Structure formats: structure tokens, C-alpha cells
């Protein structure tokens, strides 16, 4: 049976810690290793940086976690239409941390997939 968790945060870097702590707690609960948890924490941080528009006081970042049998999928929805320079580090850093990382700047969505080592 899959677990699902939703989290909505104001679009500000100060709330990134809440997302990192939530991500780590969920991954630990589902027996991901210390290294896998740290990889997810860093990937979430980069996803939020890529998708926040700190100039929008009403903006938010929505995270959806789906966990099933050693795999976690995290979908992050943020500000659509972010410029490519806002996400220059994303692919370089995040693709090394997770099994799959999809970034759609037009819609403002990141999808991360990480599988736990057997």
C-alpha cells in the first residue's frame, strides 16, 4: 500500500528547511539509507530554489510525496515560467542525486524519483 503526503509552503527560501526535514522524515520512515536521505534533501532544496518566485508575496510551493515499495516520487509545483538562468544548477546537481529528475519550467513543476537500494 502506497503512502501519500502533501505539503504546501509559502514561496520563500526560509521555508526550504521545512521541506528538507519533511523529506528526510518520510524517507527515513520508509527505510531509505542515510546517503539516500541526504541525496533527497539536497534534491528537494534545488527543486524549491528552481521553482520559487520570492517576489510574489502570495506564491506557494506544493509538494506531493508518493512512497511505494522502496521508491519515493516527489512532485514539486511552484512558479510557472521561471527563466532558464534561475535553474542553471538544477540538472547538474540533481540528476546525480536521484534516479529521475524532470523539470518543466513552463508549468513550474519538478518530478523526482528515488529508489532505495536493495
PDB file of N, CA and C in Angstrom:
ATOM      1  N   UNK A   1       0.849  -1.194   0.000  1.00  0.00           N
ATOM      2  CA  UNK A   1       0.000   0.000   0.000  1.00  0.00           C
ATOM      3  C   UNK A   1       0.885   1.246   0.000  1.00  0.00           C
ATOM      4  N   UNK A   2       0.622   2.160  -0.879  1.00  0.00           N
ATOM      5  CA  UNK A   2       1.408   3.381  -1.021  1.00  0.00           C
ATOM      6  C   UNK A   2       0.970   4.434  -0.010  1.00  0.00           C
ATOM      7  N   UNK A   3       1.947   5.202   0.461  1.00  0.00           N
ATOM      8  CA  UNK A   3       1.663   6.355   1.314  1.00  0.00           C
ATOM      9  C   UNK A   3       1.698   7.601   0.441  1.00  0.00           C
ATOM     10  N   UNK A   4       0.886   8.587   0.800  1.00  0.00           N
ATOM     11  CA  UNK A   4       0.888   9.867   0.096  1.00  0.00           C
ATOM     12  C   UNK A   4       0.845  10.990   1.122  1.00  0.00           C
ATOM     13  N   UNK A   5       1.665  11.999   0.898  1.00  0.00           N
ATOM     14  CA  UNK A   5       1.744  13.149   1.803  1.00  0.00           C
ATOM     15  C   UNK A   5       1.740  14.399   0.945  1.00  0.00           C
ATOM     16  N   UNK A   6       1.041  15.426   1.396  1.00  0.00           N
ATOM     17  CA  UNK A   6       1.026  16.723   0.708  1.00  0.00           C
ATOM     18  C   UNK A   6       1.506  17.801   1.672  1.00  0.00           C
ATOM     19  N   UNK A   7       2.243  18.750   1.115  1.00  0.00           N
ATOM     20  CA  UNK A   7       2.782  19.845   1.911  1.00  0.00           C
ATOM     21  C   UNK A   7       2.719  21.112   1.067  1.00  0.00           C
ATOM     22  N   UNK A   8       2.185  22.181   1.644  1.00  0.00           N
ATOM     23  CA  UNK A   8       2.117  23.477   0.946  1.00  0.00           C
ATOM     24  C   UNK A   8       2.894  24.489   1.792  1.00  0.00           C
ATOM     25  N   UNK A   9       3.830  25.172   1.137  1.00  0.00           N
ATOM     26  CA  UNK A   9       4.683  26.131   1.836  1.00  0.00           C
ATOM     27  C   UNK A   9       4.664  27.481   1.125  1.00  0.00           C
ATOM     28  N   UNK A  10       4.800  28.575   1.874  1.00  0.00           N
ATOM     29  CA  UNK A  10       4.963  29.876   1.217  1.00  0.00           C
ATOM     30  C   UNK A  10       6.233  29.853   0.362  1.00  0.00           C
ATOM     31  N   UNK A  11       6.221  30.585  -0.730  1.00  0.00           N
ATOM     32  CA  UNK A  11       7.359  30.609  -1.658  1.00  0.00           C
ATOM     33  C   UNK A  11       8.454  31.517  -1.133  1.00  0.00           C
ATOM     34  N   UNK A  12       9.219  31.009  -0.207  1.00  0.00           N
ATOM     35  CA  UNK A  12      10.348  31.742   0.349  1.00  0.00           C
ATOM     36  C   UNK A  12      11.417  30.763   0.766  1.00  0.00           C
ATOM     37  N   UNK A  13      12.670  31.159   0.615  1.00  0.00           N
ATOM     38  CA  UNK A  13      13.763  30.254   0.953  1.00  0.00           C
ATOM     39  C   UNK A  13      13.768  29.866   2.424  1.00  0.00           C
ATOM     40  N   UNK A  14      13.178  30.670   3.284  1.00  0.00           N
ATOM     41  CA  UNK A  14      13.140  30.354   4.713  1.00  0.00           C
ATOM     42  C   UNK A  14      12.348  29.078   4.995  1.00  0.00           C
ATOM     43  N   UNK A  15      11.451  28.709   4.093  1.00  0.00           N
ATOM     44  CA  UNK A  15      10.635  27.511   4.301  1.00  0.00           C
ATOM     45  C   UNK A  15      11.261  26.265   3.678  1.00  0.00           C
ATOM     46  N   UNK A  16      12.397  26.422   3.024  1.00  0.00           N
ATOM     47  CA  UNK A  16      13.089  25.270   2.456  1.00  0.00           C
ATOM     48  C   UNK A  16      13.450  24.244   3.508  1.00  0.00           C
ATOM     49  N   UNK A  17      13.783  24.700   4.701  1.00  0.00           N
ATOM     50  CA  UNK A  17      14.133  23.777   5.791  1.00  0.00           C
ATOM     51  C   UNK A  17      12.958  22.865   6.125  1.00  0.00           C
ATOM     52  N   UNK A  18      11.749  23.389   6.112  1.00  0.00           N
ATOM     53  CA  UNK A  18      10.565  22.570   6.396  1.00  0.00           C
ATOM     54  C   UNK A  18      10.447  21.456   5.365  1.00  0.00           C
ATOM     55  N   UNK A  19      10.672  21.779   4.107  1.00  0.00           N
ATOM     56  CA  UNK A  19      10.609  20.774   3.044  1.00  0.00           C
ATOM     57  C   UNK A  19      11.712  19.731   3.206  1.00  0.00           C
ATOM     58  N   UNK A  20      12.921  20.164   3.559  1.00  0.00           N
ATOM     59  CA  UNK A  20      14.033  19.225   3.743  1.00  0.00           C
ATOM     60  C   UNK A  20      13.784  18.282   4.917  1.00  0.00           C
ATOM     61  N   UNK A  21      13.306  18.829   6.016  1.00  0.00           N
ATOM     62  CA  UNK A  21      13.028  18.000   7.187  1.00  0.00           C
ATOM     63  C   UNK A  21      11.904  17.010   6.906  1.00  0.00           C
ATOM     64  N   UNK A  22      10.862  17.464   6.231  1.00  0.00           N
ATOM     65  CA  UNK A  22       9.746  16.585   5.870  1.00  0.00           C
ATOM     66  C   UNK A  22      10.220  15.474   4.955  1.00  0.00           C
ATOM     67  N   UNK A  23      11.002  15.825   3.960  1.00  0.00           N
ATOM     68  CA  UNK A  23      11.526  14.838   3.020  1.00  0.00           C
ATOM     69  C   UNK A  23      12.360  13.788   3.748  1.00  0.00           C
ATOM     70  N   UNK A  24      13.239  14.244   4.622  1.00  0.00           N
ATOM     71  CA  UNK A  24      14.092  13.313   5.370  1.00  0.00           C
ATOM     72  C   UNK A  24      13.262  12.399   6.274  1.00  0.00           C
ATOM     73  N   UNK A  25      12.281  12.948   6.952  1.00  0.00           N
ATOM     74  CA  UNK A  25      11.453  12.136   7.850  1.00  0.00           C
ATOM     75  C   UNK A  25      10.685  11.063   7.086  1.00  0.00           C
ATOM     76  N   UNK A  26      10.141  11.426   5.947  1.00  0.00           N
ATOM     77  CA  UNK A  26       9.391  10.456   5.138  1.00  0.00           C
ATOM     78  C   UNK A  26      10.325   9.364   4.625  1.00  0.00           C
ATOM     79  N   UNK A  27      11.483   9.756   4.100  1.00  0.00           N
ATOM     80  CA  UNK A  27      12.429   8.773   3.566  1.00  0.00           C
ATOM     81  C   UNK A  27      12.945   7.841   4.671  1.00  0.00           C
ATOM     82  N   UNK A  28      13.248   8.379   5.822  1.00  0.00           N
ATOM     83  CA  UNK A  28      13.715   7.533   6.935  1.00  0.00           C
ATOM     84  C   UNK A  28      12.632   6.560   7.374  1.00  0.00           C
ATOM     85  N   UNK A  29      11.419   7.021   7.428  1.00  0.00           N
ATOM     86  CA  UNK A  29      10.297   6.163   7.828  1.00  0.00           C
ATOM     87  C   UNK A  29      10.149   4.972   6.891  1.00  0.00           C
ATOM     88  N   UNK A  30      10.558   5.166   5.644  1.00  0.00           N
ATOM     89  CA  UNK A  30      10.428   4.106   4.643  1.00  0.00           C
ATOM     90  C   UNK A  30      11.764   3.409   4.374  1.00  0.00           C
ATOM     91  N   UNK A  31      12.657   3.501   5.346  1.00  0.00           N
ATOM     92  CA  UNK A  31      13.902   2.720   5.356  1.00  0.00           C
ATOM     93  C   UNK A  31      14.920   3.083   4.276  1.00  0.00           C
ATOM     94  N   UNK A  32      14.905   4.306   3.802  1.00  0.00           N
ATOM     95  CA  UNK A  32      15.962   4.746   2.902  1.00  0.00           C
ATOM     96  C   UNK A  32      17.236   4.922   3.719  1.00  0.00           C
ATOM     97  N   UNK A  33      18.373   4.671   3.107  1.00  0.00           N
ATOM     98  CA  UNK A  33      19.650   4.777   3.818  1.00  0.00           C
ATOM     99  C   UNK A  33      19.975   6.245   4.124  1.00  0.00           C
ATOM    100  N   UNK A  34      20.939   6.430   4.994  1.00  0.00           N
ATOM    101  CA  UNK A  34      21.368   7.787   5.353  1.00  0.00           C
ATOM    102  C   UNK A  34      21.779   8.558   4.088  1.00  0.00           C
ATOM    103  N   UNK A  35      22.574   7.942   3.222  1.00  0.00           N
ATOM    104  CA  UNK A  35      23.038   8.598   1.992  1.00  0.00           C
ATOM    105  C   UNK A  35      21.870   8.947   1.066  1.00  0.00           C
ATOM    106  N   UNK A  36      20.919   8.043   0.940  1.00  0.00           N
ATOM    107  CA  UNK A  36      19.743   8.289   0.096  1.00  0.00           C
ATOM    108  C   UNK A  36      18.905   9.443   0.650  1.00  0.00           C
ATOM    109  N   UNK A  37      18.781   9.498   1.967  1.00  0.00           N
ATOM    110  CA  UNK A  37      18.045  10.594   2.608  1.00  0.00           C
ATOM    111  C   UNK A  37      18.736  11.924   2.329  1.00  0.00           C
ATOM    112  N   UNK A  38      20.039  11.958   2.471  1.00  0.00           N
ATOM    113  CA  UNK A  38      20.781  13.195   2.223  1.00  0.00           C
ATOM    114  C   UNK A  38      20.674  13.619   0.753  1.00  0.00           C
ATOM    115  N   UNK A  39      20.713  12.653  -0.153  1.00  0.00           N
ATOM    116  CA  UNK A  39      20.544  12.967  -1.571  1.00  0.00           C
ATOM    117  C   UNK A  39      19.178  13.606  -1.831  1.00  0.00           C
ATOM    118  N   UNK A  40      18.147  13.045  -1.218  1.00  0.00           N
ATOM    119  CA  UNK A  40      16.792  13.594  -1.384  1.00  0.00           C
ATOM    120  C   UNK A  40      16.679  14.995  -0.800  1.00  0.00           C
ATOM    121  N   UNK A  41      17.291  15.214   0.348  1.00  0.00           N
ATOM    122  CA  UNK A  41      17.257  16.551   0.970  1.00  0.00           C
ATOM    123  C   UNK A  41      17.865  17.594   0.027  1.00  0.00           C
ATOM    124  N   UNK A  42      19.005  17.268  -0.551  1.00  0.00           N
ATOM    125  CA  UNK A  42      19.657  18.200  -1.469  1.00  0.00           C
ATOM    126  C   UNK A  42      18.827  18.411  -2.739  1.00  0.00           C
ATOM    127  N   UNK A  43      18.256  17.331  -3.260  1.00  0.00           N
ATOM    128  CA  UNK A  43      17.438  17.435  -4.480  1.00  0.00           C
ATOM    129  C   UNK A  43      16.209  18.315  -4.245  1.00  0.00           C
ATOM    130  N   UNK A  44      15.569  18.159  -3.094  1.00  0.00           N
ATOM    131  CA  UNK A  44      14.394  18.986  -2.760  1.00  0.00           C
ATOM    132  C   UNK A  44      14.794  20.445  -2.645  1.00  0.00           C
ATOM    133  N   UNK A  45      15.914  20.694  -2.034  1.00  0.00           N
ATOM    134  CA  UNK A  45      16.394  22.065  -1.892  1.00  0.00           C
ATOM    135  C   UNK A  45      16.571  22.713  -3.268  1.00  0.00           C
ATOM    136  N   UNK A  46      17.201  22.008  -4.182  1.00  0.00           N
ATOM    137  CA  UNK A  46      17.404  22.545  -5.531  1.00  0.00           C
ATOM    138  C   UNK A  46      16.083  22.713  -6.281  1.00  0.00           C
ATOM    139  N   UNK A  47      15.155  21.791  -6.092  1.00  0.00           N
ATOM    140  CA  UNK A  47      13.847  21.905  -6.754  1.00  0.00           C
ATOM    141  C   UNK A  47      13.119  23.159  -6.287  1.00  0.00           C
ATOM    142  N   UNK A  48      13.163  23.416  -5.002  1.00  0.00           N
ATOM    143  CA  UNK A  48      12.487  24.600  -4.462  1.00  0.00           C
ATOM    144  C   UNK A  48      13.166  25.877  -4.953  1.00  0.00           C
ATOM    145  N   UNK A  49      14.496  25.887  -4.945  1.00  0.00           N
ATOM    146  CA  UNK A  49      15.221  27.060  -5.450  1.00  0.00           C
ATOM    147  C   UNK A  49      14.836  27.333  -6.906  1.00  0.00           C
ATOM    148  N   UNK A  50      14.703  26.270  -7.694  1.00  0.00           N
ATOM    149  CA  UNK A  50      14.363  26.424  -9.109  1.00  0.00           C
ATOM    150  C   UNK A  50      12.958  26.965  -9.319  1.00  0.00           C
ATOM    151  N   UNK A  51      12.050  26.677  -8.388  1.00  0.00           N
ATOM    152  CA  UNK A  51      10.639  26.981  -8.626  1.00  0.00           C
ATOM    153  C   UNK A  51      10.046  28.108  -7.793  1.00  0.00           C
ATOM    154  N   UNK A  52      10.831  28.732  -6.933  1.00  0.00           N
ATOM    155  CA  UNK A  52      10.236  29.817  -6.146  1.00  0.00           C
ATOM    156  C   UNK A  52      10.409  31.156  -6.851  1.00  0.00           C
ATOM    157  N   UNK A  53       9.414  31.968  -6.672  1.00  0.00           N
ATOM    158  CA  UNK A  53       9.467  33.349  -7.119  1.00  0.00           C
ATOM    159  C   UNK A  53       9.281  34.184  -5.853  1.00  0.00           C
ATOM    160  N   UNK A  54      10.402  34.532  -5.232  1.00  0.00           N
ATOM    161  CA  UNK A  54      10.372  35.232  -3.950  1.00  0.00           C
ATOM    162  C   UNK A  54       9.748  36.617  -4.051  1.00  0.00           C
ATOM    163  N   UNK A  55       9.570  37.138  -5.269  1.00  0.00           N
ATOM    164  CA  UNK A  55       8.968  38.459  -5.427  1.00  0.00           C
ATOM    165  C   UNK A  55       7.442  38.401  -5.380  1.00  0.00           C
ATOM    166  N   UNK A  56       6.883  37.207  -5.389  1.00  0.00           N
ATOM    167  CA  UNK A  56       5.430  37.038  -5.349  1.00  0.00           C
ATOM    168  C   UNK A  56       5.000  36.742  -3.913  1.00  0.00           C
ATOM    169  N   UNK A  57       4.440  37.723  -3.209  1.00  0.00           N
ATOM    170  CA  UNK A  57       4.084  37.523  -1.802  1.00  0.00           C
ATOM    171  C   UNK A  57       2.968  36.495  -1.587  1.00  0.00           C
ATOM    172  N   UNK A  58       2.224  36.172  -2.625  1.00  0.00           N
ATOM    173  CA  UNK A  58       1.147  35.183  -2.475  1.00  0.00           C
ATOM    174  C   UNK A  58       1.558  33.815  -3.014  1.00  0.00           C
ATOM    175  N   UNK A  59       2.780  33.708  -3.508  1.00  0.00           N
ATOM    176  CA  UNK A  59       3.247  32.458  -4.107  1.00  0.00           C
ATOM    177  C   UNK A  59       3.384  31.336  -3.095  1.00  0.00           C
ATOM    178  N   UNK A  60       3.350  30.125  -3.604  1.00  0.00           N
ATOM    179  CA  UNK A  60       3.488  28.950  -2.753  1.00  0.00           C
ATOM    180  C   UNK A  60       4.201  27.851  -3.519  1.00  0.00           C
ATOM    181  N   UNK A  61       4.696  26.889  -2.778  1.00  0.00           N
ATOM    182  CA  UNK A  61       5.298  25.696  -3.342  1.00  0.00           C
ATOM    183  C   UNK A  61       4.517  24.519  -2.779  1.00  0.00           C
ATOM    184  N   UNK A  62       4.034  23.658  -3.666  1.00  0.00           N
ATOM    185  CA  UNK A  62       3.286  22.471  -3.257  1.00  0.00           C
ATOM    186  C   UNK A  62       4.136  21.236  -3.506  1.00  0.00           C
ATOM    187  N   UNK A  63       4.242  20.396  -2.487  1.00  0.00           N
ATOM    188  CA  UNK A  63       4.994  19.155  -2.614  1.00  0.00           C
ATOM    189  C   UNK A  63       4.055  17.983  -2.394  1.00  0.00           C
ATOM    190  N   UNK A  64       4.181  16.976  -3.250  1.00  0.00           N
ATOM    191  CA  UNK A  64       3.415  15.740  -3.104  1.00  0.00           C
ATOM    192  C   UNK A  64       4.406  14.590  -3.064  1.00  0.00           C
ATOM    193  N   UNK A  65       4.321  13.813  -2.015  1.00  0.00           N
ATOM    194  CA  UNK A  65       5.186  12.657  -1.836  1.00  0.00           C
ATOM    195  C   UNK A  65       4.343  11.399  -2.019  1.00  0.00           C
ATOM    196  N   UNK A  66       4.818  10.496  -2.853  1.00  0.00           N
ATOM    197  CA  UNK A  66       4.174   9.194  -3.021  1.00  0.00           C
ATOM    198  C   UNK A  66       5.254   8.142  -2.802  1.00  0.00           C
ATOM    199  N   UNK A  67       5.027   7.256  -1.831  1.00  0.00           N
ATOM    200  CA  UNK A  67       6.012   6.268  -1.468  1.00  0.00           C
ATOM    201  C   UNK A  67       5.401   4.888  -1.601  1.00  0.00           C
ATOM    202  N   UNK A  68       6.112   4.030  -2.332  1.00  0.00           N
ATOM    203  CA  UNK A  68       5.598   2.682  -2.539  1.00  0.00           C
ATOM    204  C   UNK A  68       6.758   1.719  -2.770  1.00  0.00           C
ATOM    205  N   UNK A  69       6.882   0.747  -1.935  1.00  0.00           N
ATOM    206  CA  UNK A  69       7.849  -0.343  -2.082  1.00  0.00           C
ATOM    207  C   UNK A  69       9.244   0.119  -2.488  1.00  0.00           C
ATOM    208  N   UNK A  70       9.892   0.888  -1.642  1.00  0.00           N
ATOM    209  CA  UNK A  70      11.271   1.283  -1.883  1.00  0.00           C
ATOM    210  C   UNK A  70      11.481   2.367  -2.909  1.00  0.00           C
ATOM    211  N   UNK A  71      10.423   3.063  -3.282  1.00  0.00           N
ATOM    212  CA  UNK A  71      10.539   4.149  -4.252  1.00  0.00           C
ATOM    213  C   UNK A  71       9.734   5.345  -3.760  1.00  0.00           C
ATOM    214  N   UNK A  72      10.356   6.493  -3.858  1.00  0.00           N
ATOM    215  CA  UNK A  72       9.658   7.732  -3.498  1.00  0.00           C
ATOM    216  C   UNK A  72       9.613   8.631  -4.729  1.00  0.00           C
ATOM    217  N   UNK A  73       8.429   9.163  -4.989  1.00  0.00           N
ATOM    218  CA  UNK A  73       8.241  10.133  -6.066  1.00  0.00           C
ATOM    219  C   UNK A  73       7.788  11.428  -5.415  1.00  0.00           C
ATOM    220  N   UNK A  74       8.493  12.492  -5.724  1.00  0.00           N
ATOM    221  CA  UNK A  74       8.170  13.801  -5.155  1.00  0.00           C
ATOM    222  C   UNK A  74       7.884  14.750  -6.310  1.00  0.00           C
ATOM    223  N   UNK A  75       6.695  15.324  -6.289  1.00  0.00           N
ATOM    224  CA  UNK A  75       6.316  16.317  -7.293  1.00  0.00           C
ATOM    225  C   UNK A  75       6.264  17.668  -6.601  1.00  0.00           C
ATOM    226  N   UNK A  76       6.956  18.627  -7.164  1.00  0.00           N
ATOM    227  CA  UNK A  76       7.011  19.977  -6.601  1.00  0.00           C
ATOM    228  C   UNK A  76       6.414  20.928  -7.631  1.00  0.00           C
ATOM    229  N   UNK A  77       5.376  21.650  -7.226  1.00  0.00           N
ATOM    230  CA  UNK A  77       4.762  22.662  -8.078  1.00  0.00           C
ATOM    231  C   UNK A  77       5.085  24.039  -7.513  1.00  0.00           C
ATOM    232  N   UNK A  78       5.603  24.910  -8.366  1.00  0.00           N
ATOM    233  CA  UNK A  78       5.952  26.255  -7.933  1.00  0.00           C
ATOM    234  C   UNK A  78       5.564  27.265  -8.986  1.00  0.00           C
ATOM    235  N   UNK A  79       6.391  28.291  -9.114  1.00  0.00           N
ATOM    236  CA  UNK A  79       6.106  29.390 -10.039  1.00  0.00           C
ATOM    237  C   UNK A  79       6.335  28.953 -11.484  1.00  0.00           C
ATOM    238  N   UNK A  80       5.311  29.081 -12.330  1.00  0.00           N
ATOM    239  CA  UNK A  80       5.489  28.757 -13.746  1.00  0.00           C
ATOM    240  C   UNK A  80       6.279  29.852 -14.452  1.00  0.00           C
ATOM    241  N   UNK A  81       6.880  29.479 -15.583  1.00  0.00           N
ATOM    242  CA  UNK A  81       7.558  30.467 -16.416  1.00  0.00           C
ATOM    243  C   UNK A  81       8.864  30.975 -15.862  1.00  0.00           C
ATOM    244  N   UNK A  82       9.533  30.194 -15.028  1.00  0.00           N
ATOM    245  CA  UNK A  82      10.829  30.631 -14.488  1.00  0.00           C
ATOM    246  C   UNK A  82      11.851  30.692 -15.618  1.00  0.00           C
ATOM    247  N   UNK A  83      12.743  31.670 -15.582  1.00  0.00           N
ATOM    248  CA  UNK A  83      13.751  31.783 -16.640  1.00  0.00           C
ATOM    249  C   UNK A  83      14.808  30.676 -16.517  1.00  0.00           C
ATOM    250  N   UNK A  84      15.373  30.243 -17.627  1.00  0.00           N
ATOM    251  CA  UNK A  84      16.371  29.164 -17.579  1.00  0.00           C
ATOM    252  C   UNK A  84      17.556  29.456 -16.660  1.00  0.00           C
ATOM    253  N   UNK A  85      17.968  30.715 -16.572  1.00  0.00           N
ATOM    254  CA  UNK A  85      19.105  31.033 -15.689  1.00  0.00           C
ATOM    255  C   UNK A  85      18.784  30.806 -14.214  1.00  0.00           C
ATOM    256  N   UNK A  86      17.503  30.775 -13.872  1.00  0.00           N
ATOM    257  CA  UNK A  86      17.101  30.529 -12.483  1.00  0.00           C
ATOM    258  C   UNK A  86      17.338  29.083 -12.084  1.00  0.00           C
ATOM    259  N   UNK A  87      17.515  28.221 -13.058  1.00  0.00           N
ATOM    260  CA  UNK A  87      17.652  26.796 -12.773  1.00  0.00           C
ATOM    261  C   UNK A  87      18.944  26.213 -13.342  1.00  0.00           C
ATOM    262  N   UNK A  88      19.935  27.037 -13.546  1.00  0.00           N
ATOM    263  CA  UNK A  88      21.163  26.593 -14.195  1.00  0.00           C
ATOM    264  C   UNK A  88      21.839  25.438 -13.459  1.00  0.00           C
ATOM    265  N   UNK A  89      21.742  25.397 -12.154  1.00  0.00           N
ATOM    266  CA  UNK A  89      22.396  24.344 -11.364  1.00  0.00           C
ATOM    267  C   UNK A  89      21.563  23.080 -11.262  1.00  0.00           C
ATOM    268  N   UNK A  90      20.282  23.174 -11.536  1.00  0.00           N
ATOM    269  CA  UNK A  90      19.376  22.069 -11.243  1.00  0.00           C
ATOM    270  C   UNK A  90      19.821  20.749 -11.865  1.00  0.00           C
ATOM    271  N   UNK A  91      19.961  20.718 -13.177  1.00  0.00           N
ATOM    272  CA  UNK A  91      20.283  19.451 -13.842  1.00  0.00           C
ATOM    273  C   UNK A  91      21.662  18.931 -13.452  1.00  0.00           C
ATOM    274  N   UNK A  92      22.619  19.830 -13.298  1.00  0.00           N
ATOM    275  CA  UNK A  92      23.964  19.414 -12.927  1.00  0.00           C
ATOM    276  C   UNK A  92      23.975  18.715 -11.578  1.00  0.00           C
ATOM    277  N   UNK A  93      23.300  19.284 -10.604  1.00  0.00           N
ATOM    278  CA  UNK A  93      23.316  18.724  -9.256  1.00  0.00           C
ATOM    279  C   UNK A  93      22.315  17.602  -9.045  1.00  0.00           C
ATOM    280  N   UNK A  94      21.097  17.808  -9.448  1.00  0.00           N
ATOM    281  CA  UNK A  94      20.012  16.905  -9.070  1.00  0.00           C
ATOM    282  C   UNK A  94      20.067  15.570  -9.805  1.00  0.00           C
ATOM    283  N   UNK A  95      20.461  15.563 -11.055  1.00  0.00           N
ATOM    284  CA  UNK A  95      20.473  14.290 -11.784  1.00  0.00           C
ATOM    285  C   UNK A  95      21.449  13.284 -11.178  1.00  0.00           C
ATOM    286  N   UNK A  96      22.450  13.751 -10.460  1.00  0.00           N
ATOM    287  CA  UNK A  96      23.383  12.845  -9.786  1.00  0.00           C
ATOM    288  C   UNK A  96      22.833  12.338  -8.452  1.00  0.00           C
ATOM    289  N   UNK A  97      21.775  12.950  -7.962  1.00  0.00           N
ATOM    290  CA  UNK A  97      21.259  12.617  -6.632  1.00  0.00           C
ATOM    291  C   UNK A  97      20.075  11.663  -6.646  1.00  0.00           C
ATOM    292  N   UNK A  98      19.314  11.661  -7.735  1.00  0.00           N
ATOM    293  CA  UNK A  98      18.091  10.857  -7.794  1.00  0.00           C
ATOM    294  C   UNK A  98      18.122   9.986  -9.058  1.00  0.00           C
ATOM    295  N   UNK A  99      17.211   9.028  -9.123  1.00  0.00           N
ATOM    296  CA  UNK A  99      17.143   8.152 -10.284  1.00  0.00           C
ATOM    297  C   UNK A  99      16.496   8.832 -11.491  1.00  0.00           C
ATOM    298  N   UNK A 100      15.623   9.777 -11.219  1.00  0.00           N
ATOM    299  CA  UNK A 100      14.966  10.512 -12.299  1.00  0.00           C
ATOM    300  C   UNK A 100      14.649  11.923 -11.816  1.00  0.00           C
ATOM    301  N   UNK A 101      14.915  12.902 -12.673  1.00  0.00           N
ATOM    302  CA  UNK A 101      14.613  14.295 -12.349  1.00  0.00           C
ATOM    303  C   UNK A 101      14.075  14.979 -13.598  1.00  0.00           C
ATOM    304  N   UNK A 102      12.820  15.382 -13.542  1.00  0.00           N
ATOM    305  CA  UNK A 102      12.197  16.087 -14.658  1.00  0.00           C
ATOM    306  C   UNK A 102      11.841  17.497 -14.208  1.00  0.00           C
ATOM    307  N   UNK A 103      12.220  18.474 -15.016  1.00  0.00           N
ATOM    308  CA  UNK A 103      11.942  19.879 -14.720  1.00  0.00           C
ATOM    309  C   UNK A 103      11.197  20.483 -15.892  1.00  0.00           C
ATOM    310  N   UNK A 104      10.031  21.038 -15.623  1.00  0.00           N
ATOM    311  CA  UNK A 104       9.242  21.714 -16.645  1.00  0.00           C
ATOM    312  C   UNK A 104       9.087  23.173 -16.216  1.00  0.00           C
ATOM    313  N   UNK A 105       9.895  24.040 -16.804  1.00  0.00           N
ATOM    314  CA  UNK A 105       9.869  25.458 -16.440  1.00  0.00           C
ATOM    315  C   UNK A 105       8.561  26.130 -16.816  1.00  0.00           C
ATOM    316  N   UNK A 106       7.986  25.720 -17.930  1.00  0.00           N
ATOM    317  CA  UNK A 106       6.747  26.343 -18.390  1.00  0.00           C
ATOM    318  C   UNK A 106       5.620  26.166 -17.369  1.00  0.00           C
ATOM    319  N   UNK A 107       5.467  24.960 -16.878  1.00  0.00           N
ATOM    320  CA  UNK A 107       4.398  24.707 -15.906  1.00  0.00           C
ATOM    321  C   UNK A 107       4.851  24.938 -14.475  1.00  0.00           C
ATOM    322  N   UNK A 108       6.154  25.044 -14.238  1.00  0.00           N
ATOM    323  CA  UNK A 108       6.661  25.240 -12.890  1.00  0.00           C
ATOM    324  C   UNK A 108       6.585  23.974 -12.055  1.00  0.00           C
ATOM    325  N   UNK A 109       7.015  22.858 -12.643  1.00  0.00           N
ATOM    326  CA  UNK A 109       6.914  21.587 -11.924  1.00  0.00           C
ATOM    327  C   UNK A 109       8.214  20.784 -12.027  1.00  0.00           C
ATOM    328  N   UNK A 110       8.563  20.171 -10.904  1.00  0.00           N
ATOM    329  CA  UNK A 110       9.682  19.237 -10.831  1.00  0.00           C
ATOM    330  C   UNK A 110       9.115  17.911 -10.351  1.00  0.00           C
ATOM    331  N   UNK A 111       9.621  16.838 -10.946  1.00  0.00           N
ATOM    332  CA  UNK A 111       9.253  15.491 -10.507  1.00  0.00           C
ATOM    333  C   UNK A 111      10.556  14.738 -10.262  1.00  0.00           C
ATOM    334  N   UNK A 112      10.705  14.237  -9.040  1.00  0.00           N
ATOM    335  CA  UNK A 112      11.884  13.487  -8.638  1.00  0.00           C
ATOM    336  C   UNK A 112      11.502  12.063  -8.280  1.00  0.00           C
ATOM    337  N   UNK A 113      12.321  11.109  -8.676  1.00  0.00           N
ATOM    338  CA  UNK A 113      12.100   9.716  -8.298  1.00  0.00           C
ATOM    339  C   UNK A 113      13.411   9.171  -7.742  1.00  0.00           C
ATOM    340  N   UNK A 114      13.309   8.553  -6.574  1.00  0.00           N
ATOM    341  CA  UNK A 114      14.485   7.933  -5.945  1.00  0.00           C
ATOM    342  C   UNK A 114      14.081   6.542  -5.483  1.00  0.00           C
ATOM    343  N   UNK A 115      14.901   5.554  -5.870  1.00  0.00           N
ATOM    344  CA  UNK A 115      14.683   4.182  -5.440  1.00  0.00           C
ATOM    345  C   UNK A 115      15.683   3.844  -4.352  1.00  0.00           C
ATOM    346  N   UNK A 116      15.208   3.144  -3.362  1.00  0.00           N
ATOM    347  CA  UNK A 116      16.079   2.697  -2.284  1.00  0.00           C
ATOM    348  C   UNK A 116      16.887   1.497  -2.762  1.00  0.00           C
ATOM    349  N   UNK A 117      18.154   1.470  -2.402  1.00  0.00           N
ATOM    350  CA  UNK A 117      18.990   0.320  -2.756  1.00  0.00           C
ATOM    351  C   UNK A 117      18.474  -0.912  -2.015  1.00  0.00           C
ATOM    352  N   UNK A 118      18.515  -2.074  -2.696  1.00  0.00           N
ATOM    353  CA  UNK A 118      18.018  -3.297  -2.031  1.00  0.00           C
ATOM    354  C   UNK A 118      18.865  -3.702  -0.844  1.00  0.00           C
TER     355      UNK A 118
END
